[in-house]
C-alpha atoms as a PDB file:
ATOM      1  CA  MET A   1    -108.558 -60.814-141.377  1.00  0.00           C
ATOM      2  CA  SER A   2    -111.664 -61.343-139.235  1.00  0.00           C
ATOM      3  CA  GLU A   3    -111.935 -59.813-135.773  1.00  0.00           C
ATOM      4  CA  ASP A   4    -112.048 -63.235-134.070  1.00  0.00           C
ATOM      5  CA  ILE A   5    -108.676 -64.338-135.451  1.00  0.00           C
ATOM      6  CA  PHE A   6    -106.222 -65.718-132.889  1.00  0.00           C
ATOM      7  CA  TYR A   7    -103.725 -63.045-131.908  1.00  0.00           C
ATOM      8  CA  TYR A   8    -102.611 -64.322-128.519  1.00  0.00           C
ATOM      9  CA  ASN A   9    -103.893 -66.263-125.503  1.00  0.00           C
ATOM     10  CA  ASP A  10    -105.482 -63.626-123.276  1.00  0.00           C
ATOM     11  CA  PHE A  11    -105.960 -64.002-119.532  1.00  0.00           C
ATOM     12  CA  GLY A  12    -109.647 -63.119-119.488  1.00  0.00           C
ATOM     13  CA  SER A  13    -110.475 -65.931-121.896  1.00  0.00           C
ATOM     14  CA  TYR A  14    -108.308 -68.305-119.897  1.00  0.00           C
ATOM     15  CA  LEU A  15    -110.237 -67.555-116.709  1.00  0.00           C
ATOM     16  CA  ARG A  16    -113.568 -67.821-118.494  1.00  0.00           C
ATOM     17  CA  SER A  17    -112.553 -71.239-119.830  1.00  0.00           C
ATOM     18  CA  LEU A  18    -111.855 -72.365-116.254  1.00  0.00           C
ATOM     19  CA  PHE A  19    -114.836 -70.849-114.486  1.00  0.00           C
ATOM     20  CA  GLY A  20    -117.438 -70.124-117.173  1.00  0.00           C
ATOM     21  CA  CYS A  21    -117.892 -66.514-116.089  1.00  0.00           C
ATOM     22  CA  LYS A  22    -116.159 -63.135-115.928  1.00  0.00           C
ATOM     23  CA  VAL A  23    -113.494 -63.150-113.220  1.00  0.00           C
ATOM     24  CA  GLN A  24    -111.664 -60.208-111.631  1.00  0.00           C
ATOM     25  CA  LYS A  25    -108.562 -60.280-109.445  1.00  0.00           C
ATOM     26  CA  ILE A  26    -108.886 -58.366-106.174  1.00  0.00           C
ATOM     27  CA  THR A  27    -105.545 -56.944-105.072  1.00  0.00           C
ATOM     28  CA  LEU A  28    -104.805 -57.564-101.404  1.00  0.00           C
ATOM     29  CA  ASP A  29    -102.051 -56.424 -99.065  1.00  0.00           C
ATOM     30  CA  GLY A  30    -101.297 -59.208 -96.607  1.00  0.00           C
ATOM     31  CA  GLY A  31     -98.933 -57.060 -94.557  1.00  0.00           C
ATOM     32  CA  PHE A  32     -95.843 -58.966 -95.673  1.00  0.00           C
ATOM     33  CA  THR A  33     -92.396 -57.547 -96.273  1.00  0.00           C
ATOM     34  CA  CYS A  34     -89.560 -58.630 -98.569  1.00  0.00           C
ATOM     35  CA  PRO A  35     -86.198 -60.333 -97.934  1.00  0.00           C
ATOM     36  CA  ASN A  36     -84.626 -57.726-100.191  1.00  0.00           C
ATOM     37  CA  ARG A  37     -85.751 -55.009 -97.789  1.00  0.00           C
ATOM     38  CA  ASP A  38     -85.435 -56.438 -94.296  1.00  0.00           C
ATOM     39  CA  GLY A  39     -81.763 -57.436 -94.612  1.00  0.00           C
ATOM     40  CA  SER A  40     -82.260 -61.148 -95.222  1.00  0.00           C
ATOM     41  CA  LYS A  41     -81.195 -60.692 -98.861  1.00  0.00           C
ATOM     42  CA  GLY A  42     -80.501 -56.993 -98.972  1.00  0.00           C
ATOM     43  CA  ARG A  43     -81.653 -53.503 -98.076  1.00  0.00           C
ATOM     44  CA  GLY A  44     -83.638 -50.990-100.054  1.00  0.00           C
ATOM     45  CA  GLY A  45     -85.360 -53.473-102.344  1.00  0.00           C
ATOM     46  CA  CYS A  46     -85.101 -53.756-106.112  1.00  0.00           C
ATOM     47  CA  THR A  47     -83.970 -50.489-107.653  1.00  0.00           C
ATOM     48  CA  TYR A  48     -87.188 -50.005-109.674  1.00  0.00           C
ATOM     49  CA  CYS A  49     -89.633 -50.853-106.865  1.00  0.00           C
ATOM     50  CA  ASN A  50     -92.067 -48.590-105.067  1.00  0.00           C
ATOM     51  CA  ASN A  51     -94.906 -50.734-103.725  1.00  0.00           C
ATOM     52  CA  ARG A  52     -97.229 -47.740-103.570  1.00  0.00           C
ATOM     53  CA  THR A  53     -97.763 -48.338-107.294  1.00  0.00           C
ATOM     54  CA  PHE A  54     -99.318 -51.750-106.633  1.00  0.00           C
ATOM     55  CA  ASN A  55    -102.308 -51.021-104.417  1.00  0.00           C
ATOM     56  CA  PRO A  56    -105.524 -49.693-105.999  1.00  0.00           C
ATOM     57  CA  ALA A  57    -107.849 -47.271-104.226  1.00  0.00           C
ATOM     58  CA  TYR A  58    -109.927 -50.007-102.605  1.00  0.00           C
ATOM     59  CA  CYS A  59    -106.895 -51.786-101.087  1.00  0.00           C
ATOM     60  CA  HIS A  60    -106.184 -50.651 -97.525  1.00  0.00           C
ATOM     61  CA  LYS A  61    -103.392 -52.626 -95.929  1.00  0.00           C
ATOM     62  CA  HIS A  62    -104.466 -51.756 -92.384  1.00  0.00           C
ATOM     63  CA  LEU A  63    -107.649 -53.815 -92.887  1.00  0.00           C
ATOM     64  CA  PRO A  64    -107.897 -57.600 -92.505  1.00  0.00           C
ATOM     65  CA  VAL A  65    -107.598 -59.320 -95.892  1.00  0.00           C
ATOM     66  CA  SER A  66    -111.228 -60.462 -95.705  1.00  0.00           C
ATOM     67  CA  GLU A  67    -112.368 -56.840 -95.422  1.00  0.00           C
ATOM     68  CA  GLN A  68    -110.032 -55.805 -98.256  1.00  0.00           C
ATOM     69  CA  MET A  69    -111.547 -58.603-100.313  1.00  0.00           C
ATOM     70  CA  ARG A  70    -115.104 -57.472 -99.603  1.00  0.00           C
ATOM     71  CA  GLU A  71    -114.250 -53.830-100.372  1.00  0.00           C
ATOM     72  CA  GLY A  72    -112.730 -54.906-103.685  1.00  0.00           C
ATOM     73  CA  ILE A  73    -115.789 -56.950-104.552  1.00  0.00           C
ATOM     74  CA  SER A  74    -118.015 -53.992-103.688  1.00  0.00           C
ATOM     75  CA  PHE A  75    -115.884 -51.786-105.949  1.00  0.00           C
ATOM     76  CA  PHE A  76    -116.442 -54.024-108.989  1.00  0.00           C
ATOM     77  CA  SER A  77    -119.863 -55.563-108.302  1.00  0.00           C
ATOM     78  CA  HIS A  78    -121.824 -52.387-109.049  1.00  0.00           C
ATOM     79  CA  LYS A  79    -120.749 -52.614-112.673  1.00  0.00           C
ATOM     80  CA  TYR A  80    -120.615 -56.404-112.988  1.00  0.00           C
ATOM     81  CA  PRO A  81    -123.071 -57.974-110.522  1.00  0.00           C
ATOM     82  CA  ASP A  82    -122.489 -61.528-111.810  1.00  0.00           C
ATOM     83  CA  MET A  83    -118.697 -61.332-111.669  1.00  0.00           C
ATOM     84  CA  LYS A  84    -116.626 -63.714-109.546  1.00  0.00           C
ATOM     85  CA  TYR A  85    -113.245 -63.021-107.994  1.00  0.00           C
ATOM     86  CA  LEU A  86    -109.723 -64.199-107.272  1.00  0.00           C
ATOM     87  CA  ALA A  87    -107.802 -63.057-104.200  1.00  0.00           C
ATOM     88  CA  TYR A  88    -104.553 -61.536-105.481  1.00  0.00           C
ATOM     89  CA  PHE A  89    -101.737 -61.155-102.971  1.00  0.00           C
ATOM     90  CA  GLN A  90     -99.501 -58.750-104.868  1.00  0.00           C
ATOM     91  CA  ALA A  91     -97.569 -56.249-102.739  1.00  0.00           C
ATOM     92  CA  TYR A  92     -94.108 -57.269-101.532  1.00  0.00           C
ATOM     93  CA  THR A  93     -93.340 -61.007-101.110  1.00  0.00           C
ATOM     94  CA  ASN A  94     -96.460 -62.997-100.308  1.00  0.00           C
ATOM     95  CA  THR A  95     -94.742 -66.233 -99.354  1.00  0.00           C
ATOM     96  CA  TYR A  96     -92.284 -64.600 -96.967  1.00  0.00           C
ATOM     97  CA  ASP A  97     -93.607 -65.413 -93.501  1.00  0.00           C
ATOM     98  CA  SER A  98     -94.224 -68.405 -91.293  1.00  0.00           C
ATOM     99  CA  LEU A  99     -96.357 -71.135 -92.848  1.00  0.00           C
ATOM    100  CA  GLU A 100     -98.918 -70.591 -90.107  1.00  0.00           C
ATOM    101  CA  ASN A 101     -99.307 -66.881 -90.907  1.00  0.00           C
ATOM    102  CA  LEU A 102     -99.383 -67.465 -94.673  1.00  0.00           C
ATOM    103  CA  LYS A 103    -102.089 -70.097 -94.368  1.00  0.00           C
ATOM    104  CA  ALA A 104    -104.163 -67.823 -92.136  1.00  0.00           C
ATOM    105  CA  ARG A 105    -104.078 -64.959 -94.693  1.00  0.00           C
ATOM    106  CA  TYR A 106    -104.805 -67.204 -97.661  1.00  0.00           C
ATOM    107  CA  GLU A 107    -107.651 -69.048 -95.953  1.00  0.00           C
ATOM    108  CA  GLU A 108    -109.205 -65.800 -94.752  1.00  0.00           C
ATOM    109  CA  ALA A 109    -109.271 -64.442 -98.301  1.00  0.00           C
ATOM    110  CA  ILE A 110    -110.697 -67.497-100.049  1.00  0.00           C
ATOM    111  CA  ALA A 111    -113.437 -67.841 -97.417  1.00  0.00           C
ATOM    112  CA  VAL A 112    -115.091 -64.633 -98.673  1.00  0.00           C
ATOM    113  CA  ASP A 113    -118.249 -65.281-100.663  1.00  0.00           C
ATOM    114  CA  GLY A 114    -117.676 -65.000-104.409  1.00  0.00           C
ATOM    115  CA  CYS A 115    -113.944 -65.876-104.245  1.00  0.00           C
ATOM    116  CA  LEU A 116    -112.996 -68.666-106.641  1.00  0.00           C
ATOM    117  CA  GLY A 117    -109.336 -68.939-105.766  1.00  0.00           C
ATOM    118  CA  ILE A 118    -106.037 -67.259-105.050  1.00  0.00           C
ATOM    119  CA  VAL A 119    -103.118 -65.748-106.975  1.00  0.00           C
ATOM    120  CA  ILE A 120     -99.897 -65.411-104.990  1.00  0.00           C
ATOM    121  CA  GLY A 121     -97.205 -62.999-106.148  1.00  0.00           C
ATOM    122  CA  THR A 122     -93.748 -63.792-104.828  1.00  0.00           C
ATOM    123  CA  ARG A 123     -90.023 -64.107-105.479  1.00  0.00           C
ATOM    124  CA  PRO A 124     -88.435 -67.302-106.791  1.00  0.00           C
ATOM    125  CA  ASP A 125     -86.128 -67.464-103.766  1.00  0.00           C
ATOM    126  CA  CYS A 126     -89.084 -67.563-101.359  1.00  0.00           C
ATOM    127  CA  MET A 127     -90.887 -70.813-102.083  1.00  0.00           C
ATOM    128  CA  PRO A 128     -90.109 -73.483 -99.469  1.00  0.00           C
ATOM    129  CA  GLU A 129     -91.167 -77.072-100.015  1.00  0.00           C
ATOM    130  CA  GLU A 130     -93.519 -77.038 -97.024  1.00  0.00           C
ATOM    131  CA  LEU A 131     -95.477 -74.197 -98.593  1.00  0.00           C
ATOM    132  CA  LEU A 132     -95.697 -76.056-101.894  1.00  0.00           C
ATOM    133  CA  ASP A 133     -97.042 -79.043 -99.931  1.00  0.00           C
ATOM    134  CA  TYR A 134     -99.795 -76.827 -98.542  1.00  0.00           C
ATOM    135  CA  LEU A 135    -100.607 -75.285-101.940  1.00  0.00           C
ATOM    136  CA  VAL A 136    -101.004 -78.753-103.451  1.00  0.00           C
ATOM    137  CA  GLU A 137    -103.637 -79.508-100.806  1.00  0.00           C
ATOM    138  CA  LEU A 138    -105.210 -76.057-101.159  1.00  0.00           C
ATOM    139  CA  GLN A 139    -105.799 -76.442-104.873  1.00  0.00           C
ATOM    140  CA  LYS A 140    -107.937 -79.498-104.172  1.00  0.00           C
ATOM    141  CA  ARG A 141    -110.398 -76.971-102.703  1.00  0.00           C
ATOM    142  CA  THR A 142    -109.871 -73.884-104.820  1.00  0.00           C
ATOM    143  CA  PHE A 143    -107.947 -72.409-107.751  1.00  0.00           C
ATOM    144  CA  VAL A 144    -104.274 -71.585-107.080  1.00  0.00           C
ATOM    145  CA  LEU A 145    -101.813 -69.683-109.292  1.00  0.00           C
ATOM    146  CA  VAL A 146     -98.304 -68.762-108.163  1.00  0.00           C
ATOM    147  CA  GLU A 147     -96.789 -65.749-109.944  1.00  0.00           C
ATOM    148  CA  TYR A 148     -93.020 -65.334-109.746  1.00  0.00           C
ATOM    149  CA  GLY A 149     -91.264 -62.036-110.303  1.00  0.00           C
ATOM    150  CA  ILE A 150     -88.516 -63.125-112.693  1.00  0.00           C
ATOM    151  CA  GLU A 151     -88.048 -59.629-114.211  1.00  0.00           C
ATOM    152  CA  SER A 152     -85.097 -60.626-116.428  1.00  0.00           C
ATOM    153  CA  THR A 153     -83.324 -63.753-117.663  1.00  0.00           C
ATOM    154  CA  ASP A 154     -79.956 -61.936-117.664  1.00  0.00           C
ATOM    155  CA  ASP A 155     -77.905 -62.322-114.483  1.00  0.00           C
ATOM    156  CA  LYS A 156     -76.013 -59.068-115.115  1.00  0.00           C
ATOM    157  CA  THR A 157     -79.323 -57.213-115.177  1.00  0.00           C
ATOM    158  CA  LEU A 158     -80.525 -58.948-112.023  1.00  0.00           C
ATOM    159  CA  VAL A 159     -77.391 -57.808-110.205  1.00  0.00           C
ATOM    160  CA  ARG A 160     -77.769 -54.267-111.559  1.00  0.00           C
ATOM    161  CA  ILE A 161     -81.346 -53.937-110.321  1.00  0.00           C
ATOM    162  CA  ASN A 162     -80.424 -55.441-106.925  1.00  0.00           C
ATOM    163  CA  ARG A 163     -82.816 -58.323-107.407  1.00  0.00           C
ATOM    164  CA  GLY A 164     -81.049 -60.627-104.951  1.00  0.00           C
ATOM    165  CA  HIS A 165     -81.338 -63.856-106.965  1.00  0.00           C
ATOM    166  CA  ASP A 166     -80.138 -65.160-110.308  1.00  0.00           C
ATOM    167  CA  TYR A 167     -82.079 -66.602-113.233  1.00  0.00           C
ATOM    168  CA  ALA A 168     -81.197 -70.163-112.245  1.00  0.00           C
ATOM    169  CA  CYS A 169     -83.132 -69.579-109.023  1.00  0.00           C
ATOM    170  CA  ALA A 170     -86.198 -68.597-111.053  1.00  0.00           C
ATOM    171  CA  VAL A 171     -85.868 -71.640-113.299  1.00  0.00           C
ATOM    172  CA  ASP A 172     -85.700 -73.883-110.244  1.00  0.00           C
ATOM    173  CA  ALA A 173     -88.744 -72.315-108.567  1.00  0.00           C
ATOM    174  CA  VAL A 174     -90.873 -72.512-111.713  1.00  0.00           C
ATOM    175  CA  HIS A 175     -89.998 -76.174-112.265  1.00  0.00           C
ATOM    176  CA  ARG A 176     -90.532 -77.142-108.619  1.00  0.00           C
ATOM    177  CA  THR A 177     -93.955 -75.491-108.619  1.00  0.00           C
ATOM    178  CA  ALA A 178     -95.089 -76.841-111.973  1.00  0.00           C
ATOM    179  CA  ARG A 179     -94.011 -80.371-111.003  1.00  0.00           C
ATOM    180  CA  ARG A 180     -96.568 -80.170-108.193  1.00  0.00           C
ATOM    181  CA  GLY A 181     -99.312 -79.485-110.723  1.00  0.00           C
ATOM    182  CA  ILE A 182     -99.683 -75.856-109.638  1.00  0.00           C
ATOM    183  CA  PRO A 183    -100.158 -73.300-112.442  1.00  0.00           C
ATOM    184  CA  VAL A 184     -97.196 -70.917-112.624  1.00  0.00           C
ATOM    185  CA  GLY A 185     -97.103 -67.320-113.796  1.00  0.00           C
ATOM    186  CA  ALA A 186     -94.116 -65.056-114.426  1.00  0.00           C
ATOM    187  CA  HIS A 187     -93.616 -61.309-114.378  1.00  0.00           C
ATOM    188  CA  ILE A 188     -91.092 -59.676-116.727  1.00  0.00           C
ATOM    189  CA  ILE A 189     -89.995 -56.055-117.192  1.00  0.00           C
ATOM    190  CA  LEU A 190     -89.082 -55.030-120.736  1.00  0.00           C
ATOM    191  CA  GLY A 191     -86.476 -52.319-121.222  1.00  0.00           C
ATOM    192  CA  LEU A 192     -84.352 -52.701-118.108  1.00  0.00           C
ATOM    193  CA  PRO A 193     -81.084 -50.724-118.351  1.00  0.00           C
ATOM    194  CA  GLY A 194     -78.330 -52.478-120.247  1.00  0.00           C
ATOM    195  CA  GLU A 195     -80.607 -54.859-122.142  1.00  0.00           C
ATOM    196  CA  THR A 196     -80.665 -54.610-125.933  1.00  0.00           C
ATOM    197  CA  ARG A 197     -83.506 -55.480-128.272  1.00  0.00           C
ATOM    198  CA  SER A 198     -81.651 -58.698-129.104  1.00  0.00           C
ATOM    199  CA  ASP A 199     -81.490 -59.543-125.386  1.00  0.00           C
ATOM    200  CA  ILE A 200     -85.225 -58.989-125.066  1.00  0.00           C
ATOM    201  CA  MET A 201     -86.029 -61.296-127.989  1.00  0.00           C
ATOM    202  CA  LYS A 202     -83.710 -63.983-126.618  1.00  0.00           C
ATOM    203  CA  GLN A 203     -85.579 -63.703-123.333  1.00  0.00           C
ATOM    204  CA  ALA A 204     -88.864 -64.698-124.996  1.00  0.00           C
ATOM    205  CA  SER A 205     -87.260 -67.894-126.263  1.00  0.00           C
ATOM    206  CA  LEU A 206     -85.748 -68.697-122.851  1.00  0.00           C
ATOM    207  CA  LEU A 207     -89.038 -68.203-121.024  1.00  0.00           C
ATOM    208  CA  SER A 208     -90.778 -70.438-123.548  1.00  0.00           C
ATOM    209  CA  GLN A 209     -88.620 -73.298-122.301  1.00  0.00           C
ATOM    210  CA  LEU A 210     -90.136 -73.004-118.828  1.00  0.00           C
ATOM    211  CA  PRO A 211     -93.415 -74.737-117.831  1.00  0.00           C
ATOM    212  CA  LEU A 212     -95.240 -71.420-117.506  1.00  0.00           C
ATOM    213  CA  THR A 213     -99.007 -71.138-117.614  1.00  0.00           C
ATOM    214  CA  THR A 214     -99.191 -67.339-117.649  1.00  0.00           C
ATOM    215  CA  LEU A 215     -96.894 -64.407-118.384  1.00  0.00           C
ATOM    216  CA  LYS A 216     -97.227 -60.749-117.481  1.00  0.00           C
ATOM    217  CA  LEU A 217     -95.175 -58.151-119.398  1.00  0.00           C
ATOM    218  CA  HIS A 218     -94.539 -54.623-118.157  1.00  0.00           C
ATOM    219  CA  GLN A 219     -92.640 -51.718-119.663  1.00  0.00           C
ATOM    220  CA  LEU A 220     -89.879 -50.250-117.523  1.00  0.00           C
ATOM    221  CA  GLN A 221     -91.273 -47.279-115.633  1.00  0.00           C
ATOM    222  CA  LEU A 222     -89.312 -44.783-113.611  1.00  0.00           C
ATOM    223  CA  ILE A 223     -91.114 -44.239-110.315  1.00  0.00           C
ATOM    224  CA  LYS A 224     -90.569 -41.487-107.779  1.00  0.00           C
ATOM    225  CA  GLY A 225     -88.863 -42.607-104.608  1.00  0.00           C
ATOM    226  CA  THR A 226     -86.876 -45.422-106.224  1.00  0.00           C
ATOM    227  CA  ARG A 227     -83.145 -45.856-106.550  1.00  0.00           C
ATOM    228  CA  MET A 228     -83.562 -46.340-110.300  1.00  0.00           C
ATOM    229  CA  ALA A 229     -85.115 -42.883-110.603  1.00  0.00           C
ATOM    230  CA  GLU A 230     -82.012 -41.433-108.945  1.00  0.00           C
ATOM    231  CA  GLU A 231     -79.805 -43.423-111.337  1.00  0.00           C
ATOM    232  CA  PHE A 232     -81.770 -42.048-114.274  1.00  0.00           C
ATOM    233  CA  PHE A 233     -81.332 -38.440-113.188  1.00  0.00           C
ATOM    234  CA  ASP A 234     -77.614 -39.030-112.618  1.00  0.00           C
ATOM    235  CA  ASN A 235     -77.022 -40.901-115.913  1.00  0.00           C
ATOM    236  CA  PRO A 236     -80.001 -40.629-118.280  1.00  0.00           C
ATOM    237  CA  THR A 237     -77.977 -41.991-121.220  1.00  0.00           C
ATOM    238  CA  ASP A 238     -77.912 -45.396-119.467  1.00  0.00           C
ATOM    239  CA  PHE A 239     -81.635 -45.726-120.128  1.00  0.00           C
ATOM    240  CA  SER A 240     -83.588 -46.291-123.324  1.00  0.00           C
ATOM    241  CA  LEU A 241     -87.204 -45.752-122.377  1.00  0.00           C
ATOM    242  CA  PHE A 242     -89.777 -46.910-124.893  1.00  0.00           C
ATOM    243  CA  ASP A 243     -92.028 -44.546-126.747  1.00  0.00           C
ATOM    244  CA  LEU A 244     -95.491 -45.988-127.293  1.00  0.00           C
ATOM    245  CA  ASN A 245     -95.131 -47.125-130.900  1.00  0.00           C
ATOM    246  CA  ASP A 246     -91.733 -48.730-130.315  1.00  0.00           C
ATOM    247  CA  TYR A 247     -93.087 -50.570-127.302  1.00  0.00           C
ATOM    248  CA  ILE A 248     -96.027 -51.927-129.288  1.00  0.00           C
ATOM    249  CA  GLU A 249     -93.668 -53.246-131.964  1.00  0.00           C
ATOM    250  CA  THR A 250     -91.381 -54.734-129.299  1.00  0.00           C
ATOM    251  CA  VAL A 251     -94.270 -56.507-127.560  1.00  0.00           C
ATOM    252  CA  ILE A 252     -95.458 -57.992-130.844  1.00  0.00           C
ATOM    253  CA  ASP A 253     -91.954 -59.130-131.789  1.00  0.00           C
ATOM    254  CA  TYR A 254     -91.692 -60.676-128.332  1.00  0.00           C
ATOM    255  CA  ILE A 255     -94.950 -62.630-128.367  1.00  0.00           C
ATOM    256  CA  GLU A 256     -94.225 -63.875-131.885  1.00  0.00           C
ATOM    257  CA  ARG A 257     -91.354 -65.783-130.252  1.00  0.00           C
ATOM    258  CA  LEU A 258     -93.310 -67.093-127.270  1.00  0.00           C
ATOM    259  CA  ARG A 259     -94.634 -70.617-126.949  1.00  0.00           C
ATOM    260  CA  PRO A 260     -98.181 -70.484-128.356  1.00  0.00           C
ATOM    261  CA  ASP A 261     -99.955 -71.892-125.279  1.00  0.00           C
ATOM    262  CA  ILE A 262     -98.615 -69.382-122.721  1.00  0.00           C
ATOM    263  CA  VAL A 263    -101.437 -67.172-121.462  1.00  0.00           C
ATOM    264  CA  LEU A 264    -100.609 -63.460-121.666  1.00  0.00           C
ATOM    265  CA  GLU A 265    -102.111 -61.567-118.780  1.00  0.00           C
ATOM    266  CA  ARG A 266    -101.062 -58.032-119.640  1.00  0.00           C
ATOM    267  CA  PHE A 267     -98.614 -55.986-121.701  1.00  0.00           C
ATOM    268  CA  ALA A 268     -98.062 -52.918-119.547  1.00  0.00           C
ATOM    269  CA  SER A 269     -98.208 -51.411-116.107  1.00  0.00           C
ATOM    270  CA  GLN A 270    -100.142 -48.259-115.305  1.00  0.00           C
ATOM    271  CA  SER A 271     -98.644 -46.535-112.284  1.00  0.00           C
ATOM    272  CA  PRO A 272    -100.337 -43.675-110.436  1.00  0.00           C
ATOM    273  CA  LYS A 273     -99.694 -40.435-112.282  1.00  0.00           C
ATOM    274  CA  GLU A 274     -98.409 -38.707-109.168  1.00  0.00           C
ATOM    275  CA  LEU A 275     -95.640 -41.315-108.868  1.00  0.00           C
ATOM    276  CA  LEU A 276     -94.740 -41.788-112.531  1.00  0.00           C
ATOM    277  CA  ILE A 277     -91.703 -39.997-113.952  1.00  0.00           C
ATOM    278  CA  ALA A 278     -91.546 -41.658-117.374  1.00  0.00           C
ATOM    279  CA  PRO A 279     -92.646 -42.885-119.821  1.00  0.00           C
ATOM    280  CA  ASP A 280     -96.087 -41.285-119.673  1.00  0.00           C
ATOM    281  CA  TRP A 281     -98.018 -42.510-122.722  1.00  0.00           C
ATOM    282  CA  GLY A 282    -101.330 -41.044-121.649  1.00  0.00           C
ATOM    283  CA  ILE A 283    -103.384 -44.169-122.411  1.00  0.00           C
ATOM    284  CA  LYS A 284    -105.034 -46.854-120.325  1.00  0.00           C
ATOM    285  CA  ASN A 285    -104.127 -50.525-120.441  1.00  0.00           C
ATOM    286  CA  HIS A 286    -107.206 -51.522-122.443  1.00  0.00           C
ATOM    287  CA  GLU A 287    -106.357 -48.869-125.038  1.00  0.00           C
ATOM    288  CA  LEU A 288    -102.854 -50.320-125.355  1.00  0.00           C
ATOM    289  CA  VAL A 289    -104.322 -53.802-125.850  1.00  0.00           C
ATOM    290  CA  ASP A 290    -106.499 -52.465-128.660  1.00  0.00           C
ATOM    291  CA  LYS A 291    -103.464 -50.886-130.308  1.00  0.00           C
ATOM    292  CA  VAL A 292    -101.467 -54.114-130.020  1.00  0.00           C
ATOM    293  CA  LYS A 293    -104.278 -56.136-131.618  1.00  0.00           C
ATOM    294  CA  LYS A 294    -104.724 -53.574-134.382  1.00  0.00           C
ATOM    295  CA  ARG A 295    -101.011 -53.637-135.175  1.00  0.00           C
ATOM    296  CA  MET A 296    -100.934 -57.443-135.093  1.00  0.00           C
ATOM    297  CA  ARG A 297    -103.778 -57.462-137.576  1.00  0.00           C
ATOM    298  CA  GLU A 298    -101.873 -55.055-139.814  1.00  0.00           C
ATOM    299  CA  ARG A 299     -98.751 -57.206-139.574  1.00  0.00           C
ATOM    300  CA  GLY A 300    -100.685 -60.438-140.104  1.00  0.00           C
ATOM    301  CA  THR A 301     -99.065 -62.076-137.093  1.00  0.00           C
ATOM    302  CA  TRP A 302     -99.898 -64.037-133.950  1.00  0.00           C
ATOM    303  CA  GLN A 303     -98.402 -65.473-130.770  1.00  0.00           C
ATOM    304  CA  GLY A 304     -95.830 -68.123-131.522  1.00  0.00           C
ATOM    305  CA  ARG A 305     -95.463 -67.321-135.225  1.00  0.00           C
ATOM    306  CA  LEU A 306     -91.669 -67.347-134.839  1.00  0.00           C
ATOM    307  CA  TYR A 307     -91.541 -69.800-131.946  1.00  0.00           C
ATOM    308  CA  ALA A 308     -88.952 -72.528-132.371  1.00  0.00           C
ATOM    309  CA  VAL A 309     -88.716 -75.554-130.086  1.00  0.00           C
END
């Protein structure tokens, strides 16, 4: 097979098709919290979550978002002077505040020179209609993508990881957002405790029924300072952590079952080494992508090969 064969819809190509140039997301910390931490939904957050894994070196939450944005641009612009940027509100729940405060943070970020739009990471139970009204108006001026942390389509898993919402809530949020004409992304963790390989493959088919534009896959990682890490040390047999080769095969099996037009942003997370307990594969994300493509070439497969309406 030739090197330019279609394997899957990649996020970089998607952005280039929209903007005609190389685009990088700049991770920002808007100073928000989470309803699963402040008592509104629960305490302690999701069992796997340590938000210290989210912020790169250039992201300093004590700075205004405009300064964070400029520091991020400075970080990347030395290597790619013609690159443009998206403001990415990632840490915690970036729709969980008053509409006035949310608008102020978003507008401050997109006003920075070189910013082409905004990506907002949030929970499906934190998207009020008044905010969707604002985002509809905002996307008349700039690019907007809302990324929901769905994590699993299995309600038993969502309870186990203390997620604080069920899958029906995620389905509702995705549909309400997409109906407004706003591109919708989803975040999923593969390998959560209690989920079998069959469950994971079924999940790909369920997500394909949603009006998703993008999808981000991550392997389950055990992170220091999380409740899940404590659960692992207490009962390690409850967990089936992927080795690298098994994860590659699982990812390929998964995307074979995905709707062909969904844009795949990434396959894995790379947490800071000082926080990571397991699995430690010792490779960077771009190296994993190369391995996935190589294995797809060997298997003669592509995104959506086993997709069924």
